[in-house]
Amino acid sequence: AIVRQLVAEADILIENFRPGTLEEWGLGWNELSKLNPRLIMLRISGYGQTGPYRDLPGFGVIGEAMGGLRHLSGHPGQPPVRVGVSIGDSLSSLYGVIGVLLALQERGRSGLGQEIDVALYESVFAMMESLVPEYDAFGYVREPAGSALPGITPSNSYLCRDGAYVLIAGNGDSIYKRLMTLMGRQDLADDPRFTHNDGRAQHAELIDAAIGEWTIRHDRDEVIEALKGARVPAGYPYTAADIVKDPHYLARQMIEQVETFAGPLKVPGVLPKLSRTPGRIGHGGPQLGEHTDDVLAGLGLTDEQRQGLRERGII
């Protein structure tokens, strides 16, 4: 009854239950949309609301596996690895936001809401670039490639003298020549086989080895500065400590500090950056259940009713 009251005046409902769960409770899309025809209902699940797998349990890791990402992660001949963050969940959230924004635009014309069905595996699959066309057109099954970018040369990570790694993207034709000249490898810069990327990609091991021989003679910061001077795209893998003190992050307000119930906390800034109506962080996240009493009181529930719900373990 409380959900129905909230839905009656809500713009958007987000749910992440196993498909069919809300229907079992009498709170499915058909029922709720009758209460509020303008309602937009975002449903995120492992496999989506339809199809033969809809009832299977699914988390981000399974979506990453079925979507093709886990197969491509890691190094050739080694077990697939996690990319380091819950990317399947995050991608599904982003597609959910895109769906809600589209539905809001359409509602402005029709006056009606709609149901949005986001599957974890589909959100990952949508990021797989030309994975399927490559297979369909050429029978080519893309395999894990470690830190290299297959078919694009040079674009890889290279070990430096101080044990740190640097990432170099010297794959533009003119950029490649500047990189080789900086390294003192004019022979590779002028080699006609390497004038264009298709030729370089056929000899990626040779070129990567040459770059690695150069970087290993210098510390990471020396390499980065030299590459900046030669206008060759380069960087290194940032840690959290690198991020929070980086001047570019700070200049673009990508590190903000908010007040939370536990004290001040650094958090990522808001994006995308809108010129006329920029986003902002209004406050830190609440504690679990912090606003429950306010919400229920706003629906007219008395202190006694709220206490009864609390004693029954509902809130």
C-alpha atoms as a PDB file:
ATOM      1  CA  ALA A   1       0.000   0.000   0.000  1.00  0.00           C
ATOM      2  CA  ILE A   2       2.886   2.355   0.800  1.00  0.00           C
ATOM      3  CA  VAL A   3       4.536   1.657  -2.575  1.00  0.00           C
ATOM      4  CA  ARG A   4       1.274   2.346  -4.368  1.00  0.00           C
ATOM      5  CA  GLN A   5       0.919   5.688  -2.573  1.00  0.00           C
ATOM      6  CA  LEU A   6       4.475   6.676  -3.508  1.00  0.00           C
ATOM      7  CA  VAL A   7       4.065   5.560  -7.123  1.00  0.00           C
ATOM      8  CA  ALA A   8       0.926   7.618  -7.557  1.00  0.00           C
ATOM      9  CA  GLU A   9       2.989  10.810  -7.360  1.00  0.00           C
ATOM     10  CA  ALA A  10       6.370   9.552  -8.623  1.00  0.00           C
ATOM     11  CA  ASP A  11       8.060  10.376 -11.912  1.00  0.00           C
ATOM     12  CA  ILE A  12      10.454   7.442 -11.977  1.00  0.00           C
ATOM     13  CA  LEU A  13      10.568   4.049 -10.266  1.00  0.00           C
ATOM     14  CA  ILE A  14      13.861   2.105 -10.347  1.00  0.00           C
ATOM     15  CA  GLU A  15      13.859  -1.597  -9.482  1.00  0.00           C
ATOM     16  CA  ASN A  16      16.537  -4.298  -9.517  1.00  0.00           C
ATOM     17  CA  PHE A  17      14.626  -7.419  -8.455  1.00  0.00           C
ATOM     18  CA  ARG A  18      14.564 -10.749 -10.241  1.00  0.00           C
ATOM     19  CA  PRO A  19      12.088 -10.461 -13.146  1.00  0.00           C
ATOM     20  CA  GLY A  20       8.584 -11.326 -11.990  1.00  0.00           C
ATOM     21  CA  THR A  21       9.146 -10.423  -8.347  1.00  0.00           C
ATOM     22  CA  LEU A  22       7.148  -7.189  -8.426  1.00  0.00           C
ATOM     23  CA  GLU A  23       4.418  -8.919 -10.400  1.00  0.00           C
ATOM     24  CA  GLU A  24       4.150 -11.532  -7.636  1.00  0.00           C
ATOM     25  CA  TRP A  25       3.543  -8.683  -5.190  1.00  0.00           C
ATOM     26  CA  GLY A  26       0.928  -7.051  -7.399  1.00  0.00           C
ATOM     27  CA  LEU A  27       3.338  -4.196  -8.155  1.00  0.00           C
ATOM     28  CA  GLY A  28       4.212  -4.943 -11.777  1.00  0.00           C
ATOM     29  CA  TRP A  29       4.218  -2.454 -14.620  1.00  0.00           C
ATOM     30  CA  ASN A  30       0.645  -3.129 -15.693  1.00  0.00           C
ATOM     31  CA  GLU A  31      -0.702  -2.450 -12.207  1.00  0.00           C
ATOM     32  CA  LEU A  32       1.449   0.582 -11.386  1.00  0.00           C
ATOM     33  CA  SER A  33       1.026   2.304 -14.753  1.00  0.00           C
ATOM     34  CA  LYS A  34      -2.732   2.246 -14.189  1.00  0.00           C
ATOM     35  CA  LEU A  35      -2.212   4.128 -10.929  1.00  0.00           C
ATOM     36  CA  ASN A  36       0.039   6.673 -12.645  1.00  0.00           C
ATOM     37  CA  PRO A  37       0.024   6.728 -16.462  1.00  0.00           C
ATOM     38  CA  ARG A  38       2.974   9.170 -16.422  1.00  0.00           C
ATOM     39  CA  LEU A  39       5.168   6.746 -14.471  1.00  0.00           C
ATOM     40  CA  ILE A  40       8.524   5.765 -15.950  1.00  0.00           C
ATOM     41  CA  MET A  41       9.697   2.388 -14.638  1.00  0.00           C
ATOM     42  CA  LEU A  42      13.358   1.447 -15.017  1.00  0.00           C
ATOM     43  CA  ARG A  43      14.009  -2.268 -14.564  1.00  0.00           C
ATOM     44  CA  ILE A  44      17.611  -3.503 -14.368  1.00  0.00           C
ATOM     45  CA  SER A  45      18.241  -7.258 -14.202  1.00  0.00           C
ATOM     46  CA  GLY A  46      20.823  -9.829 -15.211  1.00  0.00           C
ATOM     47  CA  TYR A  47      19.192 -11.045 -18.425  1.00  0.00           C
ATOM     48  CA  GLY A  48      16.224  -8.731 -18.984  1.00  0.00           C
ATOM     49  CA  GLN A  49      12.477  -9.116 -18.493  1.00  0.00           C
ATOM     50  CA  THR A  50      11.997 -11.549 -21.393  1.00  0.00           C
ATOM     51  CA  GLY A  51      13.820 -14.452 -23.015  1.00  0.00           C
ATOM     52  CA  PRO A  52      14.764 -17.980 -21.912  1.00  0.00           C
ATOM     53  CA  TYR A  53      17.283 -16.776 -19.307  1.00  0.00           C
ATOM     54  CA  ARG A  54      15.067 -14.153 -17.633  1.00  0.00           C
ATOM     55  CA  ASP A  55      14.569 -16.206 -14.453  1.00  0.00           C
ATOM     56  CA  LEU A  56      18.241 -17.040 -13.931  1.00  0.00           C
ATOM     57  CA  PRO A  57      20.087 -15.169 -11.156  1.00  0.00           C
ATOM     58  CA  GLY A  58      22.552 -12.660 -12.544  1.00  0.00           C
ATOM     59  CA  PHE A  59      25.142 -10.247 -11.210  1.00  0.00           C
ATOM     60  CA  GLY A  60      27.601  -7.921 -12.915  1.00  0.00           C
ATOM     61  CA  VAL A  61      30.294 -10.584 -13.166  1.00  0.00           C
ATOM     62  CA  ILE A  62      27.946 -12.855 -15.127  1.00  0.00           C
ATOM     63  CA  GLY A  63      26.889  -9.995 -17.375  1.00  0.00           C
ATOM     64  CA  GLU A  64      30.546  -9.219 -18.088  1.00  0.00           C
ATOM     65  CA  ALA A  65      31.149 -12.861 -18.971  1.00  0.00           C
ATOM     66  CA  MET A  66      28.118 -13.309 -21.228  1.00  0.00           C
ATOM     67  CA  GLY A  67      28.564  -9.868 -22.773  1.00  0.00           C
ATOM     68  CA  GLY A  68      32.036 -10.810 -24.054  1.00  0.00           C
ATOM     69  CA  LEU A  69      34.187  -8.624 -21.823  1.00  0.00           C
ATOM     70  CA  ARG A  70      35.716 -11.277 -19.580  1.00  0.00           C
ATOM     71  CA  HIS A  71      36.955 -13.279 -22.581  1.00  0.00           C
ATOM     72  CA  LEU A  72      38.865 -10.237 -23.831  1.00  0.00           C
ATOM     73  CA  SER A  73      40.304  -9.276 -20.430  1.00  0.00           C
ATOM     74  CA  GLY A  74      43.774 -10.386 -19.445  1.00  0.00           C
ATOM     75  CA  HIS A  75      46.708 -11.839 -21.353  1.00  0.00           C
ATOM     76  CA  PRO A  76      46.737 -14.534 -24.040  1.00  0.00           C
ATOM     77  CA  GLY A  77      46.770 -18.052 -22.639  1.00  0.00           C
ATOM     78  CA  GLN A  78      45.942 -16.937 -19.107  1.00  0.00           C
ATOM     79  CA  PRO A  79      42.647 -17.033 -17.159  1.00  0.00           C
ATOM     80  CA  PRO A  80      40.250 -14.139 -17.816  1.00  0.00           C
ATOM     81  CA  VAL A  81      40.529 -11.347 -15.256  1.00  0.00           C
ATOM     82  CA  ARG A  82      38.215  -8.802 -13.720  1.00  0.00           C
ATOM     83  CA  VAL A  83      38.763  -5.306 -15.098  1.00  0.00           C
ATOM     84  CA  GLY A  84      39.103  -3.892 -11.569  1.00  0.00           C
ATOM     85  CA  VAL A  85      35.717  -2.212 -11.137  1.00  0.00           C
ATOM     86  CA  SER A  86      32.105  -3.410 -11.346  1.00  0.00           C
ATOM     87  CA  ILE A  87      31.858  -2.240 -14.928  1.00  0.00           C
ATOM     88  CA  GLY A  88      28.806  -4.344 -15.792  1.00  0.00           C
ATOM     89  CA  ASP A  89      26.756  -2.693 -13.057  1.00  0.00           C
ATOM     90  CA  SER A  90      28.016   0.778 -13.951  1.00  0.00           C
ATOM     91  CA  LEU A  91      27.295   0.370 -17.664  1.00  0.00           C
ATOM     92  CA  SER A  92      23.782  -0.830 -16.877  1.00  0.00           C
ATOM     93  CA  SER A  93      23.257   2.232 -14.702  1.00  0.00           C
ATOM     94  CA  LEU A  94      24.357   4.507 -17.532  1.00  0.00           C
ATOM     95  CA  TYR A  95      22.058   2.811 -20.042  1.00  0.00           C
ATOM     96  CA  GLY A  96      19.291   3.088 -17.465  1.00  0.00           C
ATOM     97  CA  VAL A  97      19.892   6.837 -17.211  1.00  0.00           C
ATOM     98  CA  ILE A  98      19.881   7.158 -21.003  1.00  0.00           C
ATOM     99  CA  GLY A  99      16.593   5.273 -21.156  1.00  0.00           C
ATOM    100  CA  VAL A 100      15.003   7.440 -18.464  1.00  0.00           C
ATOM    101  CA  LEU A 101      16.100  10.661 -20.175  1.00  0.00           C
ATOM    102  CA  LEU A 102      14.659   9.444 -23.487  1.00  0.00           C
ATOM    103  CA  ALA A 103      11.414   8.435 -21.786  1.00  0.00           C
ATOM    104  CA  LEU A 104      11.134  11.841 -20.122  1.00  0.00           C
ATOM    105  CA  GLN A 105      11.559  13.545 -23.496  1.00  0.00           C
ATOM    106  CA  GLU A 106       8.906  11.334 -25.069  1.00  0.00           C
ATOM    107  CA  ARG A 107       6.562  11.831 -22.116  1.00  0.00           C
ATOM    108  CA  GLY A 108       6.736  15.560 -22.724  1.00  0.00           C
ATOM    109  CA  ARG A 109       5.058  14.917 -26.073  1.00  0.00           C
ATOM    110  CA  SER A 110       2.694  12.037 -25.314  1.00  0.00           C
ATOM    111  CA  GLY A 111       2.011  12.609 -21.611  1.00  0.00           C
ATOM    112  CA  LEU A 112       2.616   8.910 -20.972  1.00  0.00           C
ATOM    113  CA  GLY A 113       5.371   7.052 -19.191  1.00  0.00           C
ATOM    114  CA  GLN A 114       6.839   3.708 -20.197  1.00  0.00           C
ATOM    115  CA  GLU A 115       8.750   0.654 -19.005  1.00  0.00           C
ATOM    116  CA  ILE A 116      12.534   0.498 -19.596  1.00  0.00           C
ATOM    117  CA  ASP A 117      14.165  -2.938 -19.690  1.00  0.00           C
ATOM    118  CA  VAL A 118      17.951  -2.941 -19.107  1.00  0.00           C
ATOM    119  CA  ALA A 119      19.940  -6.208 -18.940  1.00  0.00           C
ATOM    120  CA  LEU A 120      23.438  -6.385 -17.460  1.00  0.00           C
ATOM    121  CA  TYR A 121      24.801  -8.604 -20.230  1.00  0.00           C
ATOM    122  CA  GLU A 122      23.370  -6.375 -22.978  1.00  0.00           C
ATOM    123  CA  SER A 123      24.915  -3.263 -21.456  1.00  0.00           C
ATOM    124  CA  VAL A 124      28.325  -4.947 -21.578  1.00  0.00           C
ATOM    125  CA  PHE A 125      27.728  -6.407 -25.042  1.00  0.00           C
ATOM    126  CA  ALA A 126      26.922  -2.936 -26.382  1.00  0.00           C
ATOM    127  CA  MET A 127      30.525  -1.912 -25.565  1.00  0.00           C
ATOM    128  CA  MET A 128      32.117  -4.739 -27.551  1.00  0.00           C
ATOM    129  CA  GLU A 129      32.859  -2.589 -30.604  1.00  0.00           C
ATOM    130  CA  SER A 130      33.113  -4.693 -33.797  1.00  0.00           C
ATOM    131  CA  LEU A 131      33.285  -8.048 -32.017  1.00  0.00           C
ATOM    132  CA  VAL A 132      30.293  -9.587 -33.812  1.00  0.00           C
ATOM    133  CA  PRO A 133      30.783  -7.983 -37.265  1.00  0.00           C
ATOM    134  CA  GLU A 134      34.399  -9.223 -37.280  1.00  0.00           C
ATOM    135  CA  TYR A 135      33.201 -12.743 -36.629  1.00  0.00           C
ATOM    136  CA  ASP A 136      30.305 -12.610 -39.076  1.00  0.00           C
ATOM    137  CA  ALA A 137      32.279 -11.097 -41.940  1.00  0.00           C
ATOM    138  CA  PHE A 138      35.608 -12.863 -41.508  1.00  0.00           C
ATOM    139  CA  GLY A 139      35.105 -15.697 -39.028  1.00  0.00           C
ATOM    140  CA  TYR A 140      37.557 -13.878 -36.748  1.00  0.00           C
ATOM    141  CA  VAL A 141      37.183 -14.449 -33.010  1.00  0.00           C
ATOM    142  CA  ARG A 142      38.842 -11.660 -31.072  1.00  0.00           C
ATOM    143  CA  GLU A 143      41.121 -12.895 -28.286  1.00  0.00           C
ATOM    144  CA  PRO A 144      42.655 -11.246 -25.186  1.00  0.00           C
ATOM    145  CA  ALA A 145      45.670  -9.097 -25.998  1.00  0.00           C
ATOM    146  CA  GLY A 146      46.997  -7.957 -22.635  1.00  0.00           C
ATOM    147  CA  SER A 147      47.905  -4.276 -22.648  1.00  0.00           C
ATOM    148  CA  ALA A 148      48.208  -4.011 -26.439  1.00  0.00           C
ATOM    149  CA  LEU A 149      45.531  -2.657 -28.767  1.00  0.00           C
ATOM    150  CA  PRO A 150      45.202  -5.302 -31.500  1.00  0.00           C
ATOM    151  CA  GLY A 151      45.595  -3.944 -35.014  1.00  0.00           C
ATOM    152  CA  ILE A 152      46.824  -0.564 -33.786  1.00  0.00           C
ATOM    153  CA  THR A 153      50.603  -0.090 -33.512  1.00  0.00           C
ATOM    154  CA  PRO A 154      52.226   1.136 -31.401  1.00  0.00           C
ATOM    155  CA  SER A 155      49.750   1.329 -28.536  1.00  0.00           C
ATOM    156  CA  ASN A 156      50.899  -0.537 -25.454  1.00  0.00           C
ATOM    157  CA  SER A 157      52.392  -0.288 -21.980  1.00  0.00           C
ATOM    158  CA  TYR A 158      56.166  -0.330 -21.532  1.00  0.00           C
ATOM    159  CA  LEU A 159      58.390  -0.924 -18.511  1.00  0.00           C
ATOM    160  CA  CYS A 160      60.693   1.894 -17.387  1.00  0.00           C
ATOM    161  CA  ARG A 161      63.993   1.800 -15.488  1.00  0.00           C
ATOM    162  CA  ASP A 162      62.376   2.585 -12.134  1.00  0.00           C
ATOM    163  CA  GLY A 163      59.933  -0.337 -12.417  1.00  0.00           C
ATOM    164  CA  ALA A 164      56.975   1.855 -13.401  1.00  0.00           C
ATOM    165  CA  TYR A 165      54.987   1.488 -16.578  1.00  0.00           C
ATOM    166  CA  VAL A 166      54.201   4.101 -19.196  1.00  0.00           C
ATOM    167  CA  LEU A 167      51.441   3.890 -21.785  1.00  0.00           C
ATOM    168  CA  ILE A 168      52.320   5.160 -25.247  1.00  0.00           C
ATOM    169  CA  ALA A 169      49.869   5.673 -28.100  1.00  0.00           C
ATOM    170  CA  GLY A 170      52.094   6.395 -31.087  1.00  0.00           C
ATOM    171  CA  ASN A 171      49.739   4.962 -33.666  1.00  0.00           C
ATOM    172  CA  GLY A 172      49.154   8.041 -35.833  1.00  0.00           C
ATOM    173  CA  ASP A 173      51.466   8.038 -38.853  1.00  0.00           C
ATOM    174  CA  SER A 174      53.120  11.373 -38.040  1.00  0.00           C
ATOM    175  CA  ILE A 175      53.103  10.607 -34.306  1.00  0.00           C
ATOM    176  CA  TYR A 176      54.888   7.331 -34.961  1.00  0.00           C
ATOM    177  CA  LYS A 177      57.660   9.137 -36.837  1.00  0.00           C
ATOM    178  CA  ARG A 178      58.092  11.657 -34.016  1.00  0.00           C
ATOM    179  CA  LEU A 179      58.291   8.817 -31.496  1.00  0.00           C
ATOM    180  CA  MET A 180      60.931   6.917 -33.436  1.00  0.00           C
ATOM    181  CA  THR A 181      62.959  10.095 -33.979  1.00  0.00           C
ATOM    182  CA  LEU A 182      62.831  10.850 -30.254  1.00  0.00           C
ATOM    183  CA  MET A 183      64.078   7.334 -29.547  1.00  0.00           C
ATOM    184  CA  GLY A 184      66.960   7.738 -31.984  1.00  0.00           C
ATOM    185  CA  ARG A 185      65.520   5.059 -34.266  1.00  0.00           C
ATOM    186  CA  GLN A 186      65.472   6.904 -37.560  1.00  0.00           C
ATOM    187  CA  ASP A 187      65.777   3.522 -39.281  1.00  0.00           C
ATOM    188  CA  LEU A 188      62.331   2.590 -38.012  1.00  0.00           C
ATOM    189  CA  ALA A 189      60.955   6.067 -38.648  1.00  0.00           C
ATOM    190  CA  ASP A 190      61.972   5.921 -42.331  1.00  0.00           C
ATOM    191  CA  ASP A 191      61.204   2.248 -42.980  1.00  0.00           C
ATOM    192  CA  PRO A 192      58.572   2.215 -45.778  1.00  0.00           C
ATOM    193  CA  ARG A 193      56.920  -0.835 -44.221  1.00  0.00           C
ATOM    194  CA  PHE A 194      55.902   1.298 -41.260  1.00  0.00           C
ATOM    195  CA  THR A 195      54.604   4.374 -43.059  1.00  0.00           C
ATOM    196  CA  HIS A 196      50.998   3.442 -42.273  1.00  0.00           C
ATOM    197  CA  ASN A 197      49.345   1.557 -39.458  1.00  0.00           C
ATOM    198  CA  ASP A 198      48.471  -1.545 -41.486  1.00  0.00           C
ATOM    199  CA  GLY A 199      52.164  -2.169 -42.092  1.00  0.00           C
ATOM    200  CA  ARG A 200      53.122  -1.408 -38.487  1.00  0.00           C
ATOM    201  CA  ALA A 201      50.444  -3.751 -37.155  1.00  0.00           C
ATOM    202  CA  GLN A 202      52.062  -6.634 -39.055  1.00  0.00           C
ATOM    203  CA  HIS A 203      55.316  -5.979 -37.183  1.00  0.00           C
ATOM    204  CA  ALA A 204      53.941  -5.001 -33.768  1.00  0.00           C
ATOM    205  CA  GLU A 205      56.370  -7.199 -31.845  1.00  0.00           C
ATOM    206  CA  LEU A 206      59.401  -5.610 -33.501  1.00  0.00           C
ATOM    207  CA  ILE A 207      58.171  -2.055 -32.861  1.00  0.00           C
ATOM    208  CA  ASP A 208      57.053  -2.761 -29.290  1.00  0.00           C
ATOM    209  CA  ALA A 209      60.431  -4.336 -28.537  1.00  0.00           C
ATOM    210  CA  ALA A 210      62.231  -1.241 -29.827  1.00  0.00           C
ATOM    211  CA  ILE A 211      60.111   1.053 -27.673  1.00  0.00           C
ATOM    212  CA  GLY A 212      60.630  -1.186 -24.645  1.00  0.00           C
ATOM    213  CA  GLU A 213      64.394  -1.065 -25.151  1.00  0.00           C
ATOM    214  CA  TRP A 214      64.181   2.731 -25.043  1.00  0.00           C
ATOM    215  CA  THR A 215      61.866   3.101 -22.029  1.00  0.00           C
ATOM    216  CA  ILE A 216      63.833   0.636 -19.889  1.00  0.00           C
ATOM    217  CA  ARG A 217      66.841   2.993 -20.034  1.00  0.00           C
ATOM    218  CA  HIS A 218      64.901   5.879 -18.451  1.00  0.00           C
ATOM    219  CA  ASP A 219      62.704   6.524 -15.422  1.00  0.00           C
ATOM    220  CA  ARG A 220      58.984   6.949 -15.993  1.00  0.00           C
ATOM    221  CA  ASP A 221      58.867  10.710 -15.428  1.00  0.00           C
ATOM    222  CA  GLU A 222      61.749  11.235 -17.850  1.00  0.00           C
ATOM    223  CA  VAL A 223      59.916   9.212 -20.485  1.00  0.00           C
ATOM    224  CA  ILE A 224      56.664  11.121 -19.943  1.00  0.00           C
ATOM    225  CA  GLU A 225      58.350  14.512 -20.217  1.00  0.00           C
ATOM    226  CA  ALA A 226      60.250  13.509 -23.361  1.00  0.00           C
ATOM    227  CA  LEU A 227      57.077  12.242 -24.996  1.00  0.00           C
ATOM    228  CA  LYS A 228      55.214  15.420 -24.098  1.00  0.00           C
ATOM    229  CA  GLY A 229      57.949  17.444 -25.781  1.00  0.00           C
ATOM    230  CA  ALA A 230      57.651  15.299 -28.904  1.00  0.00           C
ATOM    231  CA  ARG A 231      53.848  15.596 -28.878  1.00  0.00           C
ATOM    232  CA  VAL A 232      53.360  11.841 -28.488  1.00  0.00           C
ATOM    233  CA  PRO A 233      50.271  10.813 -26.459  1.00  0.00           C
ATOM    234  CA  ALA A 234      51.495   9.153 -23.263  1.00  0.00           C
ATOM    235  CA  GLY A 235      50.543   8.592 -19.665  1.00  0.00           C
ATOM    236  CA  TYR A 236      50.851   6.191 -16.789  1.00  0.00           C
ATOM    237  CA  PRO A 237      48.351   4.165 -14.739  1.00  0.00           C
ATOM    238  CA  TYR A 238      46.970   6.513 -12.064  1.00  0.00           C
ATOM    239  CA  THR A 239      46.296   5.287  -8.550  1.00  0.00           C
ATOM    240  CA  ALA A 240      43.753   6.969  -6.272  1.00  0.00           C
ATOM    241  CA  ALA A 241      46.638   8.915  -4.700  1.00  0.00           C
ATOM    242  CA  ASP A 242      47.652  10.215  -8.134  1.00  0.00           C
ATOM    243  CA  ILE A 243      44.089  11.224  -8.992  1.00  0.00           C
ATOM    244  CA  VAL A 244      43.284  13.291  -5.898  1.00  0.00           C
ATOM    245  CA  LYS A 245      46.392  15.472  -6.294  1.00  0.00           C
ATOM    246  CA  ASP A 246      46.471  15.791 -10.079  1.00  0.00           C
ATOM    247  CA  PRO A 247      46.233  19.462 -11.130  1.00  0.00           C
ATOM    248  CA  HIS A 248      44.040  18.721 -14.137  1.00  0.00           C
ATOM    249  CA  TYR A 249      41.491  16.805 -12.056  1.00  0.00           C
ATOM    250  CA  LEU A 250      41.448  19.692  -9.598  1.00  0.00           C
ATOM    251  CA  ALA A 251      41.206  22.406 -12.246  1.00  0.00           C
ATOM    252  CA  ARG A 252      38.126  20.744 -13.736  1.00  0.00           C
ATOM    253  CA  GLN A 253      36.451  20.245 -10.337  1.00  0.00           C
ATOM    254  CA  MET A 254      36.542  16.469 -10.692  1.00  0.00           C
ATOM    255  CA  ILE A 255      37.490  16.035  -7.041  1.00  0.00           C
ATOM    256  CA  GLU A 256      34.918  17.492  -4.660  1.00  0.00           C
ATOM    257  CA  GLN A 257      34.549  17.305  -0.902  1.00  0.00           C
ATOM    258  CA  VAL A 258      31.186  16.683   0.728  1.00  0.00           C
ATOM    259  CA  GLU A 259      30.040  16.518   4.313  1.00  0.00           C
ATOM    260  CA  THR A 260      28.726  13.131   5.416  1.00  0.00           C
ATOM    261  CA  PHE A 261      27.459  11.721   8.701  1.00  0.00           C
ATOM    262  CA  ALA A 262      31.011  10.391   9.191  1.00  0.00           C
ATOM    263  CA  GLY A 263      32.762  13.664   8.337  1.00  0.00           C
ATOM    264  CA  PRO A 264      34.222  15.274   5.183  1.00  0.00           C
ATOM    265  CA  LEU A 265      34.804  12.956   2.225  1.00  0.00           C
ATOM    266  CA  LYS A 266      36.393  13.405  -1.205  1.00  0.00           C
ATOM    267  CA  VAL A 267      34.201  12.143  -4.046  1.00  0.00           C
ATOM    268  CA  PRO A 268      34.221  12.312  -7.868  1.00  0.00           C
ATOM    269  CA  GLY A 269      32.842  15.498  -9.386  1.00  0.00           C
ATOM    270  CA  VAL A 270      29.725  15.757 -11.515  1.00  0.00           C
ATOM    271  CA  LEU A 271      29.689  14.993 -15.225  1.00  0.00           C
ATOM    272  CA  PRO A 272      28.873  15.561 -18.002  1.00  0.00           C
ATOM    273  CA  LYS A 273      29.617  19.258 -17.692  1.00  0.00           C
ATOM    274  CA  LEU A 274      26.707  21.410 -18.878  1.00  0.00           C
ATOM    275  CA  SER A 275      27.444  25.047 -19.656  1.00  0.00           C
ATOM    276  CA  ARG A 276      24.128  26.642 -18.661  1.00  0.00           C
ATOM    277  CA  THR A 277      22.802  24.212 -16.062  1.00  0.00           C
ATOM    278  CA  PRO A 278      25.846  22.537 -14.495  1.00  0.00           C
ATOM    279  CA  GLY A 279      25.272  19.708 -12.072  1.00  0.00           C
ATOM    280  CA  ARG A 280      26.182  19.935  -8.413  1.00  0.00           C
ATOM    281  CA  ILE A 281      26.387  17.709  -5.366  1.00  0.00           C
ATOM    282  CA  GLY A 282      23.715  18.891  -2.957  1.00  0.00           C
ATOM    283  CA  HIS A 283      24.757  16.809   0.044  1.00  0.00           C
ATOM    284  CA  GLY A 284      26.491  13.642   1.077  1.00  0.00           C
ATOM    285  CA  GLY A 285      24.656  10.334   1.002  1.00  0.00           C
ATOM    286  CA  PRO A 286      22.256   9.655   3.888  1.00  0.00           C
ATOM    287  CA  GLN A 287      22.518   6.784   6.313  1.00  0.00           C
ATOM    288  CA  LEU A 288      20.370   3.769   5.504  1.00  0.00           C
ATOM    289  CA  GLY A 289      16.791   4.598   6.418  1.00  0.00           C
ATOM    290  CA  GLU A 290      17.605   8.162   7.450  1.00  0.00           C
ATOM    291  CA  HIS A 291      14.593   9.615   5.586  1.00  0.00           C
ATOM    292  CA  THR A 292      12.143   6.744   6.039  1.00  0.00           C
ATOM    293  CA  ASP A 293      10.160   8.445   8.813  1.00  0.00           C
ATOM    294  CA  ASP A 294       9.919  11.690   6.829  1.00  0.00           C
ATOM    295  CA  VAL A 295       8.670   9.864   3.735  1.00  0.00           C
ATOM    296  CA  LEU A 296       6.086   7.845   5.649  1.00  0.00           C
ATOM    297  CA  ALA A 297       4.936  10.858   7.649  1.00  0.00           C
ATOM    298  CA  GLY A 298       4.477  12.661   4.350  1.00  0.00           C
ATOM    299  CA  LEU A 299       2.096   9.885   3.307  1.00  0.00           C
ATOM    300  CA  GLY A 300       0.068  10.438   6.467  1.00  0.00           C
ATOM    301  CA  LEU A 301       1.243   7.477   8.558  1.00  0.00           C
ATOM    302  CA  THR A 302       1.101   8.203  12.271  1.00  0.00           C
ATOM    303  CA  ASP A 303       3.871   7.595  14.802  1.00  0.00           C
ATOM    304  CA  GLU A 304       2.023   4.471  15.962  1.00  0.00           C
ATOM    305  CA  GLN A 305       1.700   3.110  12.434  1.00  0.00           C
ATOM    306  CA  ARG A 306       5.372   3.697  11.705  1.00  0.00           C
ATOM    307  CA  GLN A 307       6.328   2.014  14.966  1.00  0.00           C
ATOM    308  CA  GLY A 308       4.159  -0.948  14.013  1.00  0.00           C
ATOM    309  CA  LEU A 309       5.950  -1.279  10.679  1.00  0.00           C
ATOM    310  CA  ARG A 310       9.253  -1.086  12.509  1.00  0.00           C
ATOM    311  CA  GLU A 311       8.275  -3.826  14.965  1.00  0.00           C
ATOM    312  CA  ARG A 312       7.236  -6.083  12.070  1.00  0.00           C
ATOM    313  CA  GLY A 313      10.619  -5.559  10.384  1.00  0.00           C
ATOM    314  CA  ILE A 314       9.100  -3.851   7.337  1.00  0.00           C
ATOM    315  CA  ILE A 315      11.144  -0.663   7.849  1.00  0.00           C
END
